[in-house]
Amino acid sequence: MSSNKILVTGSTGQLGSEIKAISSNYPDLDFVFTHSSDLDICNQVQLNEFVKDAGFTGIINCAGYTAVDKAEQDAGLAGLVNAKAVGHLAAVAQRYQLKLIHISTDYVFDGTVNRPYTERMPVCPLSAYGKTKRAGEMEIMYSPSNSIIIRTSWMYSSFGNNFVKTMLRLGQERESLSVVFDQIGTPTYARDLAQVCLKIISQPGRIDSKGKLYHYSNEGTASWYDFAQAIMELAELDCKVKPIESKDYPTAARRPAYSVLNKEKIKADFGIEISYWRDALKECIGRMGD
């Protein structure tokens, strides 16, 4: 039995599923994968009972309310999952001296700058989703637990529902589709982020302070239009992608116009090399076709 026992919450989502898919590459880690049906992290008593005698050494919190537009009408539930439950996890991590990795989002920024966001730059979320995720960050920052927060952006995977899968489906169904070109960020392949999480949590002594912030996405920048165009090219689909402005595609939640993340800190602290977003996308699409 490994002395490194890791609880992975939200294990049926994109990131949790990718961690599960690569977990056999980490024989020194012993994983327990949970979903809300077998562990309700919003229930502090149940969480404490689950953790107290289990011998965990770390937690990777992949759980989250991620329906960005739906959160505008469902802010209460989003806040429960994205903030209050995170406070419960931080409290459990502190009580039992566990390392905690929590995943946050680029949507904590308002997108009014024109250079990649560092961890020190001020936040100003525009949406209920962004606000609840920021509240979750604060739960960890106010906790004395040994924990880190990794903000990421535009995540996709061969698992779950995401932009890549939607574009692949629409690309087969339609001759053309319209995608916004005035929101700029960076796509992130969830498998790459999964590898980063496991590299960090498997290194002794690397999560040794409270609430340290990091940014992680793949390298480079793109608009959603660029992202969609690349998906069609790499999947060899004939669907024509047309660029439109955000005002022509209204959504319930406001999104930052620019949310590229600066990743120098995570690269320097953990010796991480990051793939270019198109290369990562090609790998993911190839894996879907296997």
Protein backbone atom coordinates (compact mmCIF):
# COMPACT_ATOMS: atom_id res chain seq x y z
CA MET A 1 0.00 0.00 0.00
CA SER A 2 1.34 3.41 -0.95
CA SER A 3 2.06 5.94 1.81
CA ASN A 4 0.72 8.61 -0.55
CA LYS A 5 -3.07 8.23 -0.58
CA ILE A 6 -4.89 10.84 -2.64
CA LEU A 7 -8.60 11.70 -2.53
CA VAL A 8 -9.84 12.93 -5.92
CA THR A 9 -13.23 14.65 -5.72
CA GLY A 10 -15.40 15.26 -8.78
CA SER A 11 -13.84 12.25 -10.43
CA THR A 12 -16.39 11.92 -13.25
CA GLY A 13 -15.73 15.42 -14.62
CA GLN A 14 -13.15 16.27 -17.26
CA LEU A 15 -10.13 16.70 -14.97
CA GLY A 16 -11.07 13.91 -12.56
CA SER A 17 -11.58 11.51 -15.47
CA GLU A 18 -8.18 12.43 -16.93
CA ILE A 19 -6.49 11.88 -13.55
CA LYS A 20 -8.15 8.47 -13.38
CA ALA A 21 -7.02 7.67 -16.94
CA ILE A 22 -3.34 8.36 -16.16
CA SER A 23 -3.33 7.20 -12.52
CA SER A 24 -1.61 3.89 -13.38
CA ASN A 25 1.44 5.92 -14.46
CA TYR A 26 1.88 6.94 -10.80
CA PRO A 27 2.45 3.66 -8.89
CA ASP A 28 3.65 5.57 -5.81
CA LEU A 29 0.21 7.15 -5.42
CA ASP A 30 -2.86 5.34 -4.11
CA PHE A 31 -6.07 6.97 -5.38
CA VAL A 32 -9.62 7.11 -4.07
CA PHE A 33 -11.94 8.59 -6.71
CA THR A 34 -15.27 10.00 -5.54
CA HIS A 35 -18.35 11.58 -7.07
CA SER A 36 -21.15 13.52 -5.38
CA SER A 37 -23.21 10.30 -5.22
CA ASP A 38 -20.70 8.67 -2.84
CA LEU A 39 -19.18 11.76 -1.17
CA ASP A 40 -21.08 15.02 -0.79
CA ILE A 41 -18.36 17.60 -0.14
CA CYS A 42 -21.09 20.17 0.61
CA ASN A 43 -21.87 18.10 3.72
CA GLN A 44 -19.16 18.91 6.25
CA VAL A 45 -20.07 16.05 8.61
CA GLN A 46 -20.06 13.45 5.84
CA LEU A 47 -16.76 14.77 4.48
CA ASN A 48 -15.11 14.62 7.88
CA GLU A 49 -16.35 11.05 8.47
CA PHE A 50 -15.07 10.00 5.04
CA VAL A 51 -11.59 11.42 5.60
CA LYS A 52 -10.82 11.02 9.30
CA ASP A 53 -9.65 7.39 9.42
CA ALA A 54 -8.90 6.83 5.73
CA GLY A 55 -5.18 7.65 5.84
CA PHE A 56 -5.22 10.23 3.09
CA THR A 57 -2.13 12.38 2.50
CA GLY A 58 -3.64 14.70 -0.10
CA ILE A 59 -6.77 15.93 -1.86
CA ILE A 60 -7.20 17.08 -5.45
CA ASN A 61 -10.50 18.92 -5.71
CA CYS A 62 -11.83 18.51 -9.25
CA ALA A 63 -15.44 19.10 -8.17
CA GLY A 64 -17.14 22.28 -9.28
CA TYR A 65 -20.29 23.89 -10.60
CA THR A 66 -19.10 24.74 -14.11
CA ALA A 67 -22.28 25.61 -16.05
CA VAL A 68 -21.27 29.25 -16.52
CA ASP A 69 -24.55 30.58 -17.96
CA LYS A 70 -26.81 28.44 -15.78
CA ALA A 71 -25.03 29.77 -12.68
CA GLU A 72 -26.61 33.18 -13.29
CA GLN A 73 -29.98 31.69 -12.27
CA ASP A 74 -28.52 29.09 -9.91
CA ALA A 75 -25.99 31.17 -7.95
CA GLY A 76 -26.99 29.55 -4.65
CA LEU A 77 -26.04 26.03 -5.73
CA ALA A 78 -22.95 27.33 -7.57
CA GLY A 79 -21.84 29.05 -4.37
CA LEU A 80 -22.43 25.92 -2.32
CA VAL A 81 -20.25 23.77 -4.59
CA ASN A 82 -17.65 26.34 -5.68
CA ALA A 83 -17.14 28.10 -2.34
CA LYS A 84 -18.72 26.57 0.77
CA ALA A 85 -17.64 23.02 -0.09
CA VAL A 86 -14.12 24.29 -0.76
CA GLY A 87 -14.09 25.72 2.76
CA HIS A 88 -15.06 22.28 4.07
CA LEU A 89 -12.19 20.68 2.11
CA ALA A 90 -9.70 23.25 3.41
CA ALA A 91 -10.87 22.62 6.99
CA VAL A 92 -10.50 18.84 6.59
CA ALA A 93 -7.06 19.30 5.00
CA GLN A 94 -5.97 21.40 7.97
CA ARG A 95 -7.47 19.06 10.59
CA TYR A 96 -5.75 15.95 9.20
CA GLN A 97 -2.62 17.66 7.81
CA LEU A 98 -3.36 16.86 4.17
CA LYS A 99 -2.03 18.59 1.06
CA LEU A 100 -4.79 20.21 -1.02
CA ILE A 101 -4.86 21.19 -4.70
CA HIS A 102 -7.90 23.20 -5.74
CA ILE A 103 -8.78 24.18 -9.32
CA SER A 104 -10.03 27.67 -10.11
CA THR A 105 -10.63 29.69 -13.28
CA ASP A 106 -9.55 32.57 -15.51
CA TYR A 107 -13.11 33.90 -15.10
CA VAL A 108 -12.06 35.57 -11.85
CA PHE A 109 -10.65 38.31 -14.12
CA ASP A 110 -12.64 40.96 -16.00
CA GLY A 111 -10.46 40.85 -19.13
CA THR A 112 -9.71 44.58 -19.33
CA VAL A 113 -5.91 44.27 -19.54
CA ASN A 114 -3.94 43.45 -22.69
CA ARG A 115 -1.15 41.33 -21.24
CA PRO A 116 -1.21 37.84 -19.68
CA TYR A 117 -2.56 37.81 -16.14
CA THR A 118 -0.10 37.01 -13.35
CA GLU A 119 -1.14 35.66 -9.98
CA ARG A 120 -0.56 39.12 -8.42
CA MET A 121 -2.97 41.00 -10.68
CA PRO A 122 -6.32 42.13 -9.23
CA VAL A 123 -9.42 40.02 -9.76
CA CYS A 124 -12.85 41.29 -10.77
CA PRO A 125 -15.21 38.47 -11.81
CA LEU A 126 -18.04 39.43 -14.17
CA SER A 127 -20.33 36.41 -13.67
CA ALA A 128 -21.93 34.44 -10.85
CA TYR A 129 -19.67 31.53 -11.82
CA GLY A 130 -16.55 33.72 -11.57
CA LYS A 131 -17.71 35.22 -8.28
CA THR A 132 -18.38 31.82 -6.69
CA LYS A 133 -15.01 30.50 -7.87
CA ARG A 134 -13.30 33.56 -6.39
CA ALA A 135 -15.15 32.95 -3.12
CA GLY A 136 -13.76 29.40 -3.17
CA GLU A 137 -10.24 30.78 -3.60
CA MET A 138 -10.77 33.00 -0.58
CA GLU A 139 -11.94 30.04 1.53
CA ILE A 140 -8.54 28.43 0.91
CA MET A 141 -6.56 31.65 1.35
CA TYR A 142 -8.14 32.24 4.76
CA SER A 143 -7.44 28.65 5.81
CA PRO A 144 -4.13 27.60 7.41
CA SER A 145 -4.12 24.37 5.36
CA ASN A 146 -1.16 23.41 3.18
CA SER A 147 -2.79 24.11 -0.16
CA ILE A 148 -2.41 25.55 -3.63
CA ILE A 149 -4.90 26.99 -6.07
CA ILE A 150 -4.39 26.41 -9.78
CA ARG A 151 -6.36 28.72 -12.06
CA THR A 152 -6.90 27.33 -15.53
CA SER A 153 -8.82 28.30 -18.67
CA TRP A 154 -10.97 26.90 -21.48
CA MET A 155 -10.60 23.29 -20.39
CA TYR A 156 -11.48 20.41 -22.70
CA SER A 157 -10.99 16.65 -22.70
CA SER A 158 -12.01 13.43 -24.40
CA PHE A 159 -14.30 13.01 -21.35
CA GLY A 160 -17.44 14.93 -20.44
CA ASN A 161 -19.08 17.83 -22.25
CA ASN A 162 -16.88 20.60 -23.60
CA PHE A 163 -16.25 22.98 -26.49
CA VAL A 164 -14.15 20.51 -28.51
CA LYS A 165 -16.82 17.80 -28.40
CA THR A 166 -19.53 20.31 -29.29
CA MET A 167 -17.56 21.60 -32.28
CA LEU A 168 -16.81 18.07 -33.49
CA ARG A 169 -20.51 17.21 -33.34
CA LEU A 170 -21.62 20.43 -35.04
CA GLY A 171 -18.84 20.10 -37.60
CA GLN A 172 -20.33 16.79 -38.71
CA GLU A 173 -23.92 18.07 -38.69
CA ARG A 174 -23.55 21.49 -40.33
CA GLU A 175 -21.95 23.13 -43.34
CA SER A 176 -21.07 26.24 -41.34
CA LEU A 177 -21.28 27.73 -37.86
CA SER A 178 -20.49 31.07 -36.21
CA VAL A 179 -18.07 31.48 -33.30
CA VAL A 180 -16.98 34.61 -31.41
CA PHE A 181 -13.57 36.02 -32.30
CA ASP A 182 -13.34 38.83 -29.71
CA GLN A 183 -12.80 36.69 -26.60
CA ILE A 184 -9.11 35.80 -26.25
CA GLY A 185 -7.64 33.15 -23.98
CA THR A 186 -5.90 29.79 -24.10
CA PRO A 187 -7.43 26.31 -24.45
CA THR A 188 -6.25 23.79 -21.83
CA TYR A 189 -6.15 20.05 -22.38
CA ALA A 190 -7.36 18.52 -19.10
CA ARG A 191 -4.90 15.60 -19.43
CA ASP A 192 -1.97 18.06 -19.36
CA LEU A 193 -3.40 19.70 -16.23
CA ALA A 194 -3.96 16.27 -14.67
CA GLN A 195 -0.27 15.44 -15.15
CA VAL A 196 0.70 18.74 -13.52
CA CYS A 197 -1.53 18.07 -10.50
CA LEU A 198 -0.06 14.60 -10.01
CA LYS A 199 3.52 15.82 -10.48
CA ILE A 200 3.00 18.47 -7.81
CA ILE A 201 1.17 16.34 -5.24
CA SER A 202 3.66 13.48 -5.56
CA GLN A 203 6.65 15.70 -4.71
CA PRO A 204 7.39 15.68 -0.95
CA GLY A 205 7.29 19.07 0.69
CA ARG A 206 6.16 20.98 -2.38
CA ILE A 207 2.77 22.01 -0.97
CA ASP A 208 4.02 23.49 2.29
CA SER A 209 2.32 26.85 2.61
CA LYS A 210 -1.22 28.14 2.72
CA GLY A 211 -3.21 29.19 -0.33
CA LYS A 212 -0.42 29.72 -2.86
CA LEU A 213 -1.78 30.75 -6.27
CA TYR A 214 -0.66 29.40 -9.64
CA HIS A 215 -1.78 29.80 -13.23
CA TYR A 216 -1.82 26.93 -15.74
CA SER A 217 -3.05 26.58 -19.30
CA ASN A 218 -1.45 25.38 -22.48
CA GLU A 219 0.91 27.81 -24.24
CA GLY A 220 -0.08 30.45 -26.77
CA THR A 221 -3.26 32.45 -27.30
CA ALA A 222 -6.43 31.99 -29.34
CA SER A 223 -9.92 33.29 -29.80
CA TRP A 224 -12.84 30.87 -29.62
CA TYR A 225 -12.99 31.30 -33.41
CA ASP A 226 -9.32 30.25 -33.72
CA PHE A 227 -10.00 27.32 -31.41
CA ALA A 228 -13.00 26.17 -33.47
CA GLN A 229 -11.07 26.60 -36.73
CA ALA A 230 -8.23 24.43 -35.40
CA ILE A 231 -10.69 21.73 -34.30
CA MET A 232 -12.17 21.54 -37.81
CA GLU A 233 -8.72 21.42 -39.41
CA LEU A 234 -7.30 18.76 -37.09
CA ALA A 235 -10.45 16.61 -37.34
CA GLU A 236 -10.51 17.11 -41.14
CA LEU A 237 -14.10 18.40 -41.13
CA ASP A 238 -15.43 20.56 -43.98
CA CYS A 239 -17.57 22.80 -41.77
CA LYS A 240 -16.83 26.48 -42.37
CA VAL A 241 -16.31 28.57 -39.23
CA LYS A 242 -17.46 32.19 -39.43
CA PRO A 243 -16.19 34.84 -36.98
CA ILE A 244 -18.76 36.93 -35.09
CA GLU A 245 -18.62 39.45 -32.26
CA SER A 246 -19.78 38.61 -28.74
CA LYS A 247 -22.65 41.10 -29.08
CA ASP A 248 -24.04 38.91 -31.86
CA TYR A 249 -24.01 35.84 -29.60
CA PRO A 250 -25.55 37.00 -26.30
CA THR A 251 -25.12 34.76 -23.25
CA ALA A 252 -26.57 34.92 -19.75
CA ALA A 253 -23.13 35.30 -18.16
CA ARG A 254 -20.59 37.98 -19.07
CA ARG A 255 -17.17 36.61 -19.99
CA PRO A 256 -13.78 38.34 -19.96
CA ALA A 257 -12.70 39.62 -23.38
CA TYR A 258 -9.09 38.70 -22.57
CA SER A 259 -8.07 36.06 -20.04
CA VAL A 260 -4.66 34.72 -21.11
CA LEU A 261 -2.79 33.42 -18.05
CA ASN A 262 0.91 34.01 -17.34
CA LYS A 263 2.42 30.64 -16.36
CA GLU A 264 5.99 31.61 -15.43
CA LYS A 265 5.46 30.96 -11.71
CA ILE A 266 4.24 27.36 -12.01
CA LYS A 267 6.94 26.57 -14.58
CA ALA A 268 9.67 27.97 -12.33
CA ASP A 269 8.47 26.45 -9.05
CA PHE A 270 7.77 22.93 -10.33
CA GLY A 271 10.00 22.56 -13.39
CA ILE A 272 7.04 22.13 -15.72
CA GLU A 273 7.19 22.24 -19.52
CA ILE A 274 3.91 23.17 -21.19
CA SER A 275 2.64 22.14 -24.63
CA TYR A 276 1.46 24.61 -27.28
CA TRP A 277 -2.33 24.59 -27.36
CA ARG A 278 -2.62 23.32 -30.94
CA ASP A 279 -0.26 20.40 -30.22
CA ALA A 280 -2.29 19.48 -27.13
CA LEU A 281 -5.53 19.73 -29.12
CA LYS A 282 -4.12 17.46 -31.82
CA GLU A 283 -3.23 14.88 -29.18
CA CYS A 284 -6.72 15.00 -27.67
CA ILE A 285 -8.52 14.70 -30.99
CA GLY A 286 -6.23 11.81 -31.91
CA ARG A 287 -7.10 10.07 -28.65
CA MET A 288 -10.83 10.51 -29.36
CA GLY A 289 -10.33 8.76 -32.70
CA ASP A 290 -8.55 5.73 -31.22
